[in-house]
Amino acid sequence: MTEPSSAARRPTPSFMTTMSRVRPRTPLNRAELRVSVLIPVYNERDTIDIIIDLVRATPGRKEIICVDDASTDGTGDILESLHAQGKIDILHRQAENAGKGAAIHRALSLSTGDIVIVQDADLEYDPADWPVLFEPILDGRADACFGSRFLGGPHRVLYYWHSVGNRMLTTYSNMLTNLNLTDMETCYKAIRGDLARSLVPKLRAQRFGFEPEITSRLAKADARIFEVPISYSGRTYAEGKKIGWRDGIAAFWHITKFNLFS
């Protein structure tokens, strides 16, 4: 059998053009990694100390940033005590209630970590899922990684219509962002710190519009987004769940606004 000529072995121009457009991996230094944990808090006196302990128990270097959104149930005093004990690295207390999105904006502006992640204070999301979330970013394949409640992870069985609403919102968001997410509304969105902080001046959503807005901003930034399954232990309204059907309707407007008019 004859050997192919050197010309035949040489990559074709179209192949070289395609390869020049492939984005290289951008791995993070695992040995020096620090994670910024952003915890927006509003009236969570029964769970805030538990979630802080769970976060602190995760391996690796981290900075815990809590923003109290003008809680009225004594949560602020608990946060002050945790801060004095050194369990919270940065504590900011809003002068008045401005919403979850505003609290996250503030926490993000105070962060310095290589990866940032939002952690709700209500125990619905488990920090034990972080290693799976962080891996695509650490490996340099992703700029952001979403934790999906609908990819097969263990979850508490609760409200059917909530799941329908979440899927509808995700589908509508996907139509405008051209992403193929399964859970746009998830709290667990791990993002490279430098990218996340670069988006702060553009963020506008003050309340529960943060999730569709950050998804839209990442899509417009051409961020490489991965999705992984996570566990989910949703709580009932009797247990303190705050988001309701009005927030779902508002989310449709936020998706439209941040994708078409922003």
Protein backbone atom coordinates (compact mmCIF):
# COMPACT_ATOMS: atom_id res chain seq x y z
CA MET A 1 0.00 0.00 0.00
CA THR A 2 1.41 3.37 -0.97
CA GLU A 3 1.88 6.08 1.60
CA PRO A 4 -0.29 9.18 1.15
CA SER A 5 1.59 12.21 -0.07
CA SER A 6 2.51 14.99 2.32
CA ALA A 7 -0.08 17.16 0.57
CA ALA A 8 -2.77 14.56 1.30
CA ARG A 9 -1.79 14.46 4.98
CA ARG A 10 -1.83 18.24 5.32
CA PRO A 11 -5.01 19.64 7.00
CA THR A 12 -7.40 21.23 4.55
CA PRO A 13 -8.07 24.98 4.69
CA SER A 14 -11.67 24.38 5.85
CA PHE A 15 -10.42 22.18 8.72
CA MET A 16 -7.92 24.81 9.80
CA THR A 17 -10.58 27.51 9.66
CA THR A 18 -12.89 25.44 11.84
CA MET A 19 -10.14 24.69 14.36
CA SER A 20 -9.23 28.38 14.59
CA ARG A 21 -12.78 29.05 15.77
CA VAL A 22 -12.69 26.37 18.49
CA ARG A 23 -12.34 28.07 21.85
CA PRO A 24 -9.41 26.72 23.86
CA ARG A 25 -9.90 25.36 27.34
CA THR A 26 -9.29 27.83 30.14
CA PRO A 27 -8.66 25.67 33.25
CA LEU A 28 -8.44 27.20 36.70
CA ASN A 29 -5.62 26.55 39.14
CA ARG A 30 -7.17 23.99 41.48
CA ALA A 31 -4.46 24.43 44.12
CA GLU A 32 -5.19 28.16 44.45
CA LEU A 33 -8.94 28.05 43.81
CA ARG A 34 -11.16 30.21 45.98
CA VAL A 35 -14.95 30.17 45.75
CA SER A 36 -17.16 33.14 46.56
CA VAL A 37 -20.43 31.96 48.11
CA LEU A 38 -23.13 34.61 47.70
CA ILE A 39 -25.98 34.20 50.20
CA PRO A 40 -28.96 36.57 49.87
CA VAL A 41 -30.98 36.40 53.10
CA TYR A 42 -34.47 37.54 54.00
CA ASN A 43 -36.30 36.26 57.08
CA GLU A 44 -34.45 32.94 57.40
CA ARG A 45 -33.80 32.81 61.13
CA ASP A 46 -34.62 29.08 61.34
CA THR A 47 -32.13 27.97 58.69
CA ILE A 48 -29.37 30.56 58.23
CA ASP A 49 -27.01 29.09 60.84
CA ILE A 50 -27.53 25.60 59.39
CA ILE A 51 -26.72 26.62 55.83
CA ILE A 52 -23.64 28.55 56.99
CA ASP A 53 -22.35 25.43 58.72
CA LEU A 54 -23.04 23.31 55.60
CA VAL A 55 -21.20 25.81 53.42
CA ARG A 56 -18.24 25.99 55.80
CA ALA A 57 -18.05 22.17 55.84
CA THR A 58 -17.40 21.99 52.09
CA PRO A 59 -13.75 21.40 51.17
CA GLY A 60 -11.55 24.11 49.69
CA ARG A 61 -10.93 27.83 50.19
CA LYS A 62 -13.98 30.04 50.14
CA GLU A 63 -15.31 33.44 51.12
CA ILE A 64 -18.85 33.56 52.47
CA ILE A 65 -20.68 36.78 51.65
CA CYS A 66 -24.11 37.34 53.19
CA VAL A 67 -26.44 40.19 52.30
CA ASP A 68 -29.35 40.68 54.67
CA ASP A 69 -32.23 42.18 52.68
CA ALA A 70 -33.67 44.08 55.68
CA SER A 71 -35.02 41.01 57.48
CA THR A 72 -37.70 41.64 60.09
CA ASP A 73 -37.65 38.34 62.03
CA GLY A 74 -34.33 38.61 63.86
CA THR A 75 -32.25 37.09 61.07
CA GLY A 76 -30.01 40.17 61.06
CA ASP A 77 -28.99 39.62 64.67
CA ILE A 78 -28.11 35.99 63.94
CA LEU A 79 -26.01 37.10 60.96
CA GLU A 80 -24.19 39.65 63.12
CA SER A 81 -23.36 36.89 65.63
CA LEU A 82 -22.13 34.53 62.89
CA HIS A 83 -20.00 37.32 61.46
CA ALA A 84 -18.51 38.07 64.88
CA GLN A 85 -17.67 34.36 65.25
CA GLY A 86 -15.80 34.42 61.95
CA LYS A 87 -18.25 32.09 60.23
CA ILE A 88 -19.18 34.76 57.69
CA ASP A 89 -16.40 36.63 55.91
CA ILE A 90 -18.40 39.61 54.65
CA LEU A 91 -21.79 40.79 55.92
CA HIS A 92 -23.74 43.59 54.28
CA ARG A 93 -27.12 44.71 55.60
CA GLN A 94 -29.46 46.50 53.22
CA ALA A 95 -31.09 49.61 54.65
CA GLU A 96 -34.42 48.57 53.15
CA ASN A 97 -35.85 45.51 51.44
CA ALA A 98 -34.81 45.68 47.78
CA GLY A 99 -35.26 42.07 46.62
CA LYS A 100 -33.21 38.95 46.01
CA GLY A 101 -31.67 40.27 42.80
CA ALA A 102 -30.45 43.45 44.46
CA ALA A 103 -28.93 41.40 47.30
CA ILE A 104 -27.08 39.20 44.81
CA HIS A 105 -25.81 42.24 42.90
CA ARG A 106 -24.34 43.61 46.13
CA ALA A 107 -22.79 40.29 47.13
CA LEU A 108 -21.31 39.82 43.66
CA SER A 109 -19.75 43.28 43.72
CA LEU A 110 -18.04 42.37 47.02
CA SER A 111 -16.71 39.02 45.76
CA THR A 112 -13.13 38.16 44.77
CA GLY A 113 -13.30 34.40 44.13
CA ASP A 114 -12.29 32.47 41.02
CA ILE A 115 -15.78 30.94 40.96
CA VAL A 116 -18.96 32.52 42.33
CA ILE A 117 -22.12 30.65 43.26
CA VAL A 118 -25.40 31.79 44.79
CA GLN A 119 -26.55 29.76 47.79
CA ASP A 120 -30.10 30.23 49.03
CA ALA A 121 -30.45 30.18 52.80
CA ASP A 122 -33.54 27.93 52.88
CA LEU A 123 -31.88 24.46 52.63
CA GLU A 124 -33.50 23.64 49.27
CA TYR A 125 -30.09 23.35 47.60
CA ASP A 126 -27.26 21.20 48.97
CA PRO A 127 -23.64 22.44 48.89
CA ALA A 128 -22.60 18.79 48.58
CA ASP A 129 -23.46 19.17 44.86
CA TRP A 130 -20.78 21.83 44.31
CA PRO A 131 -17.96 19.53 43.08
CA VAL A 132 -20.10 18.37 40.14
CA LEU A 133 -21.09 21.97 39.37
CA PHE A 134 -17.54 23.28 39.50
CA GLU A 135 -15.83 20.56 37.47
CA PRO A 136 -16.62 21.85 33.93
CA ILE A 137 -15.34 25.30 34.97
CA LEU A 138 -12.25 23.96 36.71
CA ASP A 139 -11.49 21.82 33.67
CA GLY A 140 -11.70 24.88 31.44
CA ARG A 141 -14.60 23.65 29.31
CA ALA A 142 -17.20 26.05 30.71
CA ASP A 143 -17.56 29.64 31.83
CA ALA A 144 -20.73 28.82 33.75
CA CYS A 145 -22.45 25.66 34.94
CA PHE A 146 -26.14 25.40 35.86
CA GLY A 147 -27.42 22.81 38.32
CA SER A 148 -30.60 21.31 36.88
CA ARG A 149 -33.39 19.93 39.07
CA PHE A 150 -34.82 18.13 36.04
CA LEU A 151 -31.89 15.98 34.89
CA GLY A 152 -32.50 13.06 37.20
CA GLY A 153 -31.07 14.08 40.56
CA PRO A 154 -32.89 13.12 43.78
CA HIS A 155 -35.59 15.59 44.73
CA ARG A 156 -38.43 16.02 47.16
CA VAL A 157 -41.83 15.43 45.52
CA LEU A 158 -43.91 18.58 45.80
CA TYR A 159 -45.91 20.88 43.54
CA TYR A 160 -46.75 19.63 40.02
CA TRP A 161 -47.76 23.05 38.68
CA HIS A 162 -44.51 24.59 39.92
CA SER A 163 -42.59 22.12 37.75
CA VAL A 164 -44.85 22.90 34.78
CA GLY A 165 -44.31 26.62 35.27
CA ASN A 166 -40.55 26.18 35.52
CA ARG A 167 -40.44 24.20 32.30
CA MET A 168 -42.57 26.79 30.49
CA LEU A 169 -40.29 29.61 31.64
CA THR A 170 -37.19 27.64 30.63
CA THR A 171 -38.66 26.87 27.20
CA TYR A 172 -39.53 30.51 26.59
CA SER A 173 -36.10 31.62 27.74
CA ASN A 174 -34.46 29.05 25.47
CA MET A 175 -36.44 30.35 22.50
CA LEU A 176 -34.96 33.82 23.01
CA THR A 177 -31.44 32.90 24.10
CA ASN A 178 -31.06 29.93 21.70
CA LEU A 179 -29.83 27.80 24.61
CA ASN A 180 -31.11 24.30 25.37
CA LEU A 181 -31.30 24.44 29.16
CA THR A 182 -33.62 22.23 31.19
CA ASP A 183 -33.76 24.48 34.27
CA MET A 184 -33.22 28.20 33.72
CA GLU A 185 -34.77 29.12 37.10
CA THR A 186 -32.30 27.09 39.17
CA CYS A 187 -30.56 28.91 42.01
CA TYR A 188 -27.33 26.98 41.39
CA LYS A 189 -25.47 28.86 38.69
CA ALA A 190 -21.69 28.61 39.15
CA ILE A 191 -19.85 31.24 37.10
CA ARG A 192 -16.22 32.19 36.60
CA GLY A 193 -15.62 35.07 38.98
CA ASP A 194 -14.09 37.47 36.46
CA LEU A 195 -16.98 36.94 34.03
CA ALA A 196 -19.66 37.29 36.72
CA ARG A 197 -18.19 40.51 38.07
CA SER A 198 -17.92 41.97 34.57
CA LEU A 199 -21.70 41.65 34.29
CA VAL A 200 -22.49 43.58 37.50
CA PRO A 201 -22.83 47.01 35.81
CA LYS A 202 -25.40 45.54 33.43
CA LEU A 203 -27.59 43.76 35.98
CA ARG A 204 -30.95 45.42 36.59
CA ALA A 205 -33.40 42.85 38.02
CA GLN A 206 -34.08 43.61 41.68
CA ARG A 207 -36.21 40.68 42.77
CA PHE A 208 -36.79 37.21 41.31
CA GLY A 209 -35.96 38.41 37.79
CA PHE A 210 -32.29 37.72 38.51
CA GLU A 211 -32.40 34.16 37.11
CA PRO A 212 -33.70 35.04 33.61
CA GLU A 213 -31.52 38.14 33.49
CA ILE A 214 -28.23 36.41 34.34
CA THR A 215 -29.08 33.67 31.84
CA SER A 216 -29.68 36.28 29.15
CA ARG A 217 -26.48 38.16 30.03
CA LEU A 218 -24.41 34.97 29.86
CA ALA A 219 -25.93 34.03 26.50
CA LYS A 220 -25.20 37.49 25.08
CA ALA A 221 -21.63 37.24 26.40
CA ASP A 222 -21.26 34.01 24.40
CA ALA A 223 -20.39 32.18 27.61
CA ARG A 224 -19.79 28.43 27.45
CA ILE A 225 -22.59 27.01 29.61
CA PHE A 226 -22.78 23.46 30.95
CA GLU A 227 -25.62 21.83 32.85
CA VAL A 228 -25.39 19.04 35.44
CA PRO A 229 -27.96 17.22 37.61
CA ILE A 230 -28.34 18.29 41.24
CA SER A 231 -30.46 17.22 44.19
CA TYR A 232 -33.35 19.40 45.32
CA SER A 233 -35.30 19.48 48.57
CA GLY A 234 -38.03 22.02 47.91
CA ARG A 235 -40.01 23.39 50.81
CA THR A 236 -43.73 24.10 51.17
CA TYR A 237 -45.31 27.50 51.75
CA ALA A 238 -45.94 26.47 55.35
CA GLU A 239 -42.19 25.91 55.66
CA GLY A 240 -41.45 29.40 54.36
CA LYS A 241 -41.36 29.22 50.54
CA LYS A 242 -41.67 32.76 49.21
CA ILE A 243 -41.95 32.58 45.41
CA GLY A 244 -45.49 32.41 44.01
CA TRP A 245 -47.54 32.54 40.84
CA ARG A 246 -47.18 36.32 40.54
CA ASP A 247 -43.42 35.86 40.35
CA GLY A 248 -43.93 33.33 37.57
CA ILE A 249 -45.93 35.81 35.54
CA ALA A 250 -43.35 38.51 36.18
CA ALA A 251 -40.63 36.10 35.00
CA PHE A 252 -42.18 35.99 31.51
CA TRP A 253 -41.84 39.77 31.34
CA HIS A 254 -38.25 39.64 32.61
CA ILE A 255 -37.33 37.06 29.96
CA THR A 256 -38.86 39.23 27.25
CA LYS A 257 -37.31 42.46 28.53
CA PHE A 258 -33.77 41.23 29.05
CA ASN A 259 -33.62 39.34 25.76
CA LEU A 260 -35.46 41.67 23.40
CA PHE A 261 -35.28 45.17 24.89
CA SER A 262 -32.07 45.25 26.94
